[in-house]
């Protein structure tokens, strides 16, 4: 073989080797791109999975819990429940658990009138004690209600006979026995007066008061 032929053969071999190296490098780049693409898809899948789990967790937090009070998730068409019945003193007349119907008075009211409706068997209320009561208050002339502890379902407690309430209460409830229901017809001068200052009920008033406790 001539030297010229040998040189040509060497050149062809080098060219073939270079082509092989280029093909190998190109294949390596393709494999790396393919692996990178798979990694990107995996990251996206993980993010989607996390988002779905978080969204489901939020939905679970917003849903009513088993055994929760019906009022916590009540619809607009559901009616509100009535206030609970009051806790009565031992031996009290069961009628005290029912809200009384209070009507308007008749004629002119010029003095405090205390009318027993239910006679309690407990001790008599003393001046300076704190009494617990349920009551309904109406205007004496037309029977329109202006206040009632029954509306909230919570009895009212306050000192009696020491000027913390209107004079008609201080004078009318001292001496009443626990467990009693009494009607107080109170003239304006022993209530809030005739002018209704400060948004208070003006004129003569009628209360029906249940005395539940005295301490």
C-alpha atoms as a PDB file:
ATOM      1  CA  UNK A   1       0.000   0.000   0.000  1.00  0.00           C
ATOM      2  CA  UNK A   2       1.326   3.392  -0.940  1.00  0.00           C
ATOM      3  CA  UNK A   3       1.891   6.130   1.618  1.00  0.00           C
ATOM      4  CA  UNK A   4      -0.809   8.190  -0.013  1.00  0.00           C
ATOM      5  CA  UNK A   5      -3.321   5.416   0.393  1.00  0.00           C
ATOM      6  CA  UNK A   6      -2.347   4.922   4.001  1.00  0.00           C
ATOM      7  CA  UNK A   7      -2.866   8.600   4.771  1.00  0.00           C
ATOM      8  CA  UNK A   8      -6.301   8.547   3.214  1.00  0.00           C
ATOM      9  CA  UNK A   9      -7.281   5.520   5.254  1.00  0.00           C
ATOM     10  CA  UNK A  10      -6.197   7.209   8.469  1.00  0.00           C
ATOM     11  CA  UNK A  11      -8.231  10.332   7.574  1.00  0.00           C
ATOM     12  CA  UNK A  12     -11.318   8.219   6.945  1.00  0.00           C
ATOM     13  CA  UNK A  13     -10.892   6.473  10.307  1.00  0.00           C
ATOM     14  CA  UNK A  14     -10.529   9.778  12.139  1.00  0.00           C
ATOM     15  CA  UNK A  15     -13.648  11.105  10.388  1.00  0.00           C
ATOM     16  CA  UNK A  16     -15.591   7.984  11.312  1.00  0.00           C
ATOM     17  CA  UNK A  17     -14.478   8.298  14.933  1.00  0.00           C
ATOM     18  CA  UNK A  18     -15.526  11.939  15.051  1.00  0.00           C
ATOM     19  CA  UNK A  19     -18.928  11.088  13.605  1.00  0.00           C
ATOM     20  CA  UNK A  20     -19.351   8.332  16.193  1.00  0.00           C
ATOM     21  CA  UNK A  21     -18.443  10.731  19.004  1.00  0.00           C
ATOM     22  CA  UNK A  22     -20.939  13.311  17.702  1.00  0.00           C
ATOM     23  CA  UNK A  23     -23.690  10.690  17.548  1.00  0.00           C
ATOM     24  CA  UNK A  24     -22.885   9.538  21.083  1.00  0.00           C
ATOM     25  CA  UNK A  25     -22.940  13.133  22.374  1.00  0.00           C
ATOM     26  CA  UNK A  26     -26.246  13.801  20.600  1.00  0.00           C
ATOM     27  CA  UNK A  27     -27.769  10.658  22.120  1.00  0.00           C
ATOM     28  CA  UNK A  28     -26.544  11.692  25.573  1.00  0.00           C
ATOM     29  CA  UNK A  29     -28.136  15.150  25.200  1.00  0.00           C
ATOM     30  CA  UNK A  30     -31.418  13.565  24.166  1.00  0.00           C
ATOM     31  CA  UNK A  31     -31.368  11.214  27.178  1.00  0.00           C
ATOM     32  CA  UNK A  32     -30.692  14.152  29.516  1.00  0.00           C
ATOM     33  CA  UNK A  33     -33.509  16.199  27.980  1.00  0.00           C
ATOM     34  CA  UNK A  34     -35.882  13.251  28.295  1.00  0.00           C
ATOM     35  CA  UNK A  35     -34.936  12.723  31.951  1.00  0.00           C
ATOM     36  CA  UNK A  36     -35.358  16.448  32.655  1.00  0.00           C
ATOM     37  CA  UNK A  37     -38.792  16.380  31.086  1.00  0.00           C
ATOM     38  CA  UNK A  38     -39.853  13.455  33.246  1.00  0.00           C
ATOM     39  CA  UNK A  39     -38.583  15.276  36.339  1.00  0.00           C
ATOM     40  CA  UNK A  40     -40.645  18.336  35.423  1.00  0.00           C
ATOM     41  CA  UNK A  41     -43.753  16.227  34.955  1.00  0.00           C
ATOM     42  CA  UNK A  42     -43.154  14.565  38.337  1.00  0.00           C
ATOM     43  CA  UNK A  43     -42.828  17.949  40.079  1.00  0.00           C
ATOM     44  CA  UNK A  44     -46.073  19.160  38.510  1.00  0.00           C
ATOM     45  CA  UNK A  45     -47.824  15.953  39.587  1.00  0.00           C
ATOM     46  CA  UNK A  46     -46.606  16.376  43.155  1.00  0.00           C
ATOM     47  CA  UNK A  47     -47.806  19.997  43.252  1.00  0.00           C
ATOM     48  CA  UNK A  48     -51.236  19.006  41.934  1.00  0.00           C
ATOM     49  CA  UNK A  49     -51.513  16.242  44.544  1.00  0.00           C
ATOM     50  CA  UNK A  50     -50.616  18.644  47.368  1.00  0.00           C
ATOM     51  CA  UNK A  51     -53.150  21.200  46.107  1.00  0.00           C
ATOM     52  CA  UNK A  52     -55.923  18.594  46.010  1.00  0.00           C
ATOM     53  CA  UNK A  53     -55.131  17.382  49.546  1.00  0.00           C
ATOM     54  CA  UNK A  54     -55.130  20.942  50.917  1.00  0.00           C
ATOM     55  CA  UNK A  55     -58.426  21.748  49.165  1.00  0.00           C
ATOM     56  CA  UNK A  56     -60.067  18.636  50.595  1.00  0.00           C
ATOM     57  CA  UNK A  57     -58.809  19.546  54.055  1.00  0.00           C
ATOM     58  CA  UNK A  58     -60.386  23.005  53.770  1.00  0.00           C
ATOM     59  CA  UNK A  59     -63.670  21.475  52.651  1.00  0.00           C
ATOM     60  CA  UNK A  60     -63.644  19.157  55.673  1.00  0.00           C
ATOM     61  CA  UNK A  61     -63.053  22.107  58.027  1.00  0.00           C
ATOM     62  CA  UNK A  62     -66.005  23.998  56.548  1.00  0.00           C
ATOM     63  CA  UNK A  63     -68.425  21.082  56.819  1.00  0.00           C
ATOM     64  CA  UNK A  64     -70.621  20.707  59.920  1.00  0.00           C
ATOM     65  CA  UNK A  65     -69.158  18.242  62.397  1.00  0.00           C
ATOM     66  CA  UNK A  66     -71.049  15.117  63.384  1.00  0.00           C
ATOM     67  CA  UNK A  67     -73.129  15.688  66.471  1.00  0.00           C
ATOM     68  CA  UNK A  68     -72.953  19.479  66.179  1.00  0.00           C
ATOM     69  CA  UNK A  69     -75.824  21.547  67.349  1.00  0.00           C
ATOM     70  CA  UNK A  70     -78.514  21.854  64.635  1.00  0.00           C
ATOM     71  CA  UNK A  71     -78.561  25.609  65.247  1.00  0.00           C
ATOM     72  CA  UNK A  72     -74.950  25.890  64.106  1.00  0.00           C
ATOM     73  CA  UNK A  73     -75.959  24.967  60.539  1.00  0.00           C
ATOM     74  CA  UNK A  74     -79.676  25.810  60.546  1.00  0.00           C
ATOM     75  CA  UNK A  75     -81.299  26.813  57.255  1.00  0.00           C
ATOM     76  CA  UNK A  76     -83.332  29.935  56.752  1.00  0.00           C
ATOM     77  CA  UNK A  77     -86.535  27.898  56.772  1.00  0.00           C
ATOM     78  CA  UNK A  78     -85.919  26.537  60.274  1.00  0.00           C
ATOM     79  CA  UNK A  79     -87.723  28.199  63.161  1.00  0.00           C
ATOM     80  CA  UNK A  80     -85.759  29.437  66.216  1.00  0.00           C
ATOM     81  CA  UNK A  81     -86.207  27.334  69.321  1.00  0.00           C
ATOM     82  CA  UNK A  82     -87.989  28.759  72.364  1.00  0.00           C
ATOM     83  CA  UNK A  83     -85.923  29.757  75.423  1.00  0.00           C
ATOM     84  CA  UNK A  84     -85.487  26.926  77.938  1.00  0.00           C
ATOM     85  CA  UNK A  85     -87.892  26.643  80.870  1.00  0.00           C
ATOM     86  CA  UNK A  86     -86.599  28.309  84.060  1.00  0.00           C
ATOM     87  CA  UNK A  87     -85.172  26.293  86.919  1.00  0.00           C
ATOM     88  CA  UNK A  88     -87.807  26.377  89.629  1.00  0.00           C
ATOM     89  CA  UNK A  89     -87.281  26.273  93.386  1.00  0.00           C
ATOM     90  CA  UNK A  90     -88.004  22.967  95.104  1.00  0.00           C
ATOM     91  CA  UNK A  91     -91.719  22.422  95.632  1.00  0.00           C
ATOM     92  CA  UNK A  92     -92.713  25.332  93.365  1.00  0.00           C
ATOM     93  CA  UNK A  93     -95.936  25.338  91.382  1.00  0.00           C
ATOM     94  CA  UNK A  94     -95.192  23.916  87.872  1.00  0.00           C
ATOM     95  CA  UNK A  95     -97.150  26.837  86.425  1.00  0.00           C
ATOM     96  CA  UNK A  96     -94.071  29.021  87.032  1.00  0.00           C
ATOM     97  CA  UNK A  97     -92.411  27.215  84.125  1.00  0.00           C
ATOM     98  CA  UNK A  98     -94.956  28.777  81.756  1.00  0.00           C
ATOM     99  CA  UNK A  99     -94.815  32.400  80.621  1.00  0.00           C
ATOM    100  CA  UNK A 100     -97.819  34.333  81.969  1.00  0.00           C
ATOM    101  CA  UNK A 101    -100.237  36.252  79.777  1.00  0.00           C
ATOM    102  CA  UNK A 102    -100.348  39.866  80.948  1.00  0.00           C
ATOM    103  CA  UNK A 103    -103.214  42.127  79.916  1.00  0.00           C
ATOM    104  CA  UNK A 104    -103.942  45.834  80.307  1.00  0.00           C
ATOM    105  CA  UNK A 105    -105.415  47.250  83.487  1.00  0.00           C
ATOM    106  CA  UNK A 106    -108.678  49.174  83.855  1.00  0.00           C
ATOM    107  CA  UNK A 107    -109.420  52.555  85.333  1.00  0.00           C
ATOM    108  CA  UNK A 108    -106.967  55.030  86.824  1.00  0.00           C
ATOM    109  CA  UNK A 109    -104.056  53.666  88.793  1.00  0.00           C
ATOM    110  CA  UNK A 110    -103.194  55.887  91.729  1.00  0.00           C
ATOM    111  CA  UNK A 111    -101.463  53.546  94.173  1.00  0.00           C
ATOM    112  CA  UNK A 112     -99.259  50.453  94.186  1.00  0.00           C
ATOM    113  CA  UNK A 113    -101.330  47.284  94.047  1.00  0.00           C
ATOM    114  CA  UNK A 114     -99.849  43.831  94.692  1.00  0.00           C
ATOM    115  CA  UNK A 115    -102.023  40.927  93.562  1.00  0.00           C
ATOM    116  CA  UNK A 116    -100.884  37.339  94.423  1.00  0.00           C
ATOM    117  CA  UNK A 117    -101.378  34.975  91.477  1.00  0.00           C
ATOM    118  CA  UNK A 118     -99.494  31.934  92.827  1.00  0.00           C
ATOM    119  CA  UNK A 119     -98.575  31.606  96.495  1.00  0.00           C
ATOM    120  CA  UNK A 120     -95.043  30.317  97.045  1.00  0.00           C
ATOM    121  CA  UNK A 121     -94.040  28.103  99.964  1.00  0.00           C
ATOM    122  CA  UNK A 122     -90.490  29.442 100.361  1.00  0.00           C
ATOM    123  CA  UNK A 123     -89.154  32.071 102.769  1.00  0.00           C
ATOM    124  CA  UNK A 124     -90.302  35.702 102.517  1.00  0.00           C
ATOM    125  CA  UNK A 125     -88.071  38.131 100.633  1.00  0.00           C
ATOM    126  CA  UNK A 126     -86.202  40.537 102.927  1.00  0.00           C
ATOM    127  CA  UNK A 127     -84.909  44.012 102.161  1.00  0.00           C
ATOM    128  CA  UNK A 128     -81.250  43.859 101.104  1.00  0.00           C
ATOM    129  CA  UNK A 129     -81.442  40.367  99.643  1.00  0.00           C
ATOM    130  CA  UNK A 130     -80.649  39.608  96.010  1.00  0.00           C
ATOM    131  CA  UNK A 131     -83.643  38.044  94.322  1.00  0.00           C
ATOM    132  CA  UNK A 132     -83.870  36.041  91.099  1.00  0.00           C
ATOM    133  CA  UNK A 133     -87.000  36.627  89.037  1.00  0.00           C
ATOM    134  CA  UNK A 134     -88.756  36.041  85.781  1.00  0.00           C
ATOM    135  CA  UNK A 135     -91.015  38.904  84.758  1.00  0.00           C
ATOM    136  CA  UNK A 136     -93.160  40.428  82.027  1.00  0.00           C
ATOM    137  CA  UNK A 137     -93.675  44.208  81.916  1.00  0.00           C
ATOM    138  CA  UNK A 138     -96.502  45.943  80.000  1.00  0.00           C
ATOM    139  CA  UNK A 139     -98.016  49.406  79.840  1.00  0.00           C
ATOM    140  CA  UNK A 140    -100.924  49.468  82.246  1.00  0.00           C
ATOM    141  CA  UNK A 141    -103.275  51.316  79.896  1.00  0.00           C
ATOM    142  CA  UNK A 142    -102.919  49.246  76.701  1.00  0.00           C
ATOM    143  CA  UNK A 143    -101.151  46.036  77.742  1.00  0.00           C
ATOM    144  CA  UNK A 144     -98.296  46.528  75.234  1.00  0.00           C
ATOM    145  CA  UNK A 145     -95.185  44.677  76.363  1.00  0.00           C
ATOM    146  CA  UNK A 146     -91.983  46.708  76.788  1.00  0.00           C
ATOM    147  CA  UNK A 147     -89.721  44.215  78.570  1.00  0.00           C
ATOM    148  CA  UNK A 148     -89.592  40.553  79.657  1.00  0.00           C
ATOM    149  CA  UNK A 149     -86.882  38.280  80.982  1.00  0.00           C
ATOM    150  CA  UNK A 150     -88.666  35.389  79.228  1.00  0.00           C
ATOM    151  CA  UNK A 151     -87.513  36.713  75.852  1.00  0.00           C
ATOM    152  CA  UNK A 152     -83.906  35.748  76.573  1.00  0.00           C
ATOM    153  CA  UNK A 153     -84.636  32.677  78.683  1.00  0.00           C
ATOM    154  CA  UNK A 154     -82.464  34.082  81.480  1.00  0.00           C
ATOM    155  CA  UNK A 155     -83.966  35.129  84.856  1.00  0.00           C
ATOM    156  CA  UNK A 156     -82.903  38.529  86.222  1.00  0.00           C
ATOM    157  CA  UNK A 157     -81.169  38.975  89.580  1.00  0.00           C
ATOM    158  CA  UNK A 158     -80.816  42.215  91.569  1.00  0.00           C
ATOM    159  CA  UNK A 159     -80.823  43.595  95.120  1.00  0.00           C
ATOM    160  CA  UNK A 160     -84.288  44.455  96.425  1.00  0.00           C
ATOM    161  CA  UNK A 161     -85.404  47.128  98.862  1.00  0.00           C
ATOM    162  CA  UNK A 162     -82.192  49.193  98.551  1.00  0.00           C
ATOM    163  CA  UNK A 163     -82.981  51.546  95.654  1.00  0.00           C
ATOM    164  CA  UNK A 164     -81.422  49.475  92.868  1.00  0.00           C
ATOM    165  CA  UNK A 165     -84.766  49.067  91.071  1.00  0.00           C
ATOM    166  CA  UNK A 166     -87.894  51.188  90.731  1.00  0.00           C
ATOM    167  CA  UNK A 167     -89.792  51.973  93.935  1.00  0.00           C
ATOM    168  CA  UNK A 168     -92.760  49.860  92.880  1.00  0.00           C
ATOM    169  CA  UNK A 169     -90.531  46.761  92.895  1.00  0.00           C
ATOM    170  CA  UNK A 170     -88.735  47.673  96.120  1.00  0.00           C
ATOM    171  CA  UNK A 171     -92.027  48.203  97.912  1.00  0.00           C
ATOM    172  CA  UNK A 172     -94.055  45.475  96.212  1.00  0.00           C
ATOM    173  CA  UNK A 173     -91.668  42.498  96.370  1.00  0.00           C
ATOM    174  CA  UNK A 174     -90.317  42.732  99.920  1.00  0.00           C
ATOM    175  CA  UNK A 175     -92.326  40.207 101.947  1.00  0.00           C
ATOM    176  CA  UNK A 176     -93.329  38.067  98.941  1.00  0.00           C
ATOM    177  CA  UNK A 177     -92.460  34.392  99.467  1.00  0.00           C
ATOM    178  CA  UNK A 178     -90.076  32.522  97.168  1.00  0.00           C
ATOM    179  CA  UNK A 179     -91.991  30.472  94.600  1.00  0.00           C
ATOM    180  CA  UNK A 180     -94.709  33.135  94.255  1.00  0.00           C
ATOM    181  CA  UNK A 181     -96.084  34.828  91.150  1.00  0.00           C
ATOM    182  CA  UNK A 182     -97.422  38.327  91.800  1.00  0.00           C
ATOM    183  CA  UNK A 183     -98.910  41.090  89.710  1.00  0.00           C
ATOM    184  CA  UNK A 184     -97.563  44.579  90.425  1.00  0.00           C
ATOM    185  CA  UNK A 185     -99.671  47.529  89.259  1.00  0.00           C
ATOM    186  CA  UNK A 186     -97.349  50.508  89.657  1.00  0.00           C
ATOM    187  CA  UNK A 187     -98.338  54.183  89.262  1.00  0.00           C
ATOM    188  CA  UNK A 188     -95.984  56.394  87.275  1.00  0.00           C
ATOM    189  CA  UNK A 189     -94.469  58.095  90.350  1.00  0.00           C
ATOM    190  CA  UNK A 190     -93.270  54.698  91.618  1.00  0.00           C
ATOM    191  CA  UNK A 191     -92.033  53.620  88.163  1.00  0.00           C
ATOM    192  CA  UNK A 192     -90.187  55.799  85.594  1.00  0.00           C
ATOM    193  CA  UNK A 193     -92.444  58.853  85.645  1.00  0.00           C
ATOM    194  CA  UNK A 194     -94.683  60.229  82.920  1.00  0.00           C
ATOM    195  CA  UNK A 195     -92.116  61.695  80.518  1.00  0.00           C
ATOM    196  CA  UNK A 196     -90.284  58.512  79.424  1.00  0.00           C
ATOM    197  CA  UNK A 197     -86.857  60.147  79.733  1.00  0.00           C
ATOM    198  CA  UNK A 198     -83.966  58.128  78.331  1.00  0.00           C
ATOM    199  CA  UNK A 199     -86.295  55.863  76.387  1.00  0.00           C
ATOM    200  CA  UNK A 200     -87.790  54.415  79.558  1.00  0.00           C
ATOM    201  CA  UNK A 201     -91.453  53.318  79.635  1.00  0.00           C
ATOM    202  CA  UNK A 202     -93.651  56.219  80.719  1.00  0.00           C
ATOM    203  CA  UNK A 203     -96.838  56.197  82.764  1.00  0.00           C
ATOM    204  CA  UNK A 204     -98.349  53.493  84.972  1.00  0.00           C
ATOM    205  CA  UNK A 205     -96.982  49.968  84.457  1.00  0.00           C
ATOM    206  CA  UNK A 206     -98.037  46.404  85.145  1.00  0.00           C
ATOM    207  CA  UNK A 207     -95.560  43.606  85.904  1.00  0.00           C
ATOM    208  CA  UNK A 208     -96.132  39.932  86.544  1.00  0.00           C
ATOM    209  CA  UNK A 209     -93.130  38.714  88.550  1.00  0.00           C
ATOM    210  CA  UNK A 210     -92.098  35.182  89.516  1.00  0.00           C
ATOM    211  CA  UNK A 211     -89.796  35.105  92.558  1.00  0.00           C
ATOM    212  CA  UNK A 212     -87.498  32.114  92.011  1.00  0.00           C
ATOM    213  CA  UNK A 213     -84.878  32.677  94.709  1.00  0.00           C
ATOM    214  CA  UNK A 214     -83.728  35.114  97.414  1.00  0.00           C
ATOM    215  CA  UNK A 215     -80.322  35.245  99.068  1.00  0.00           C
END
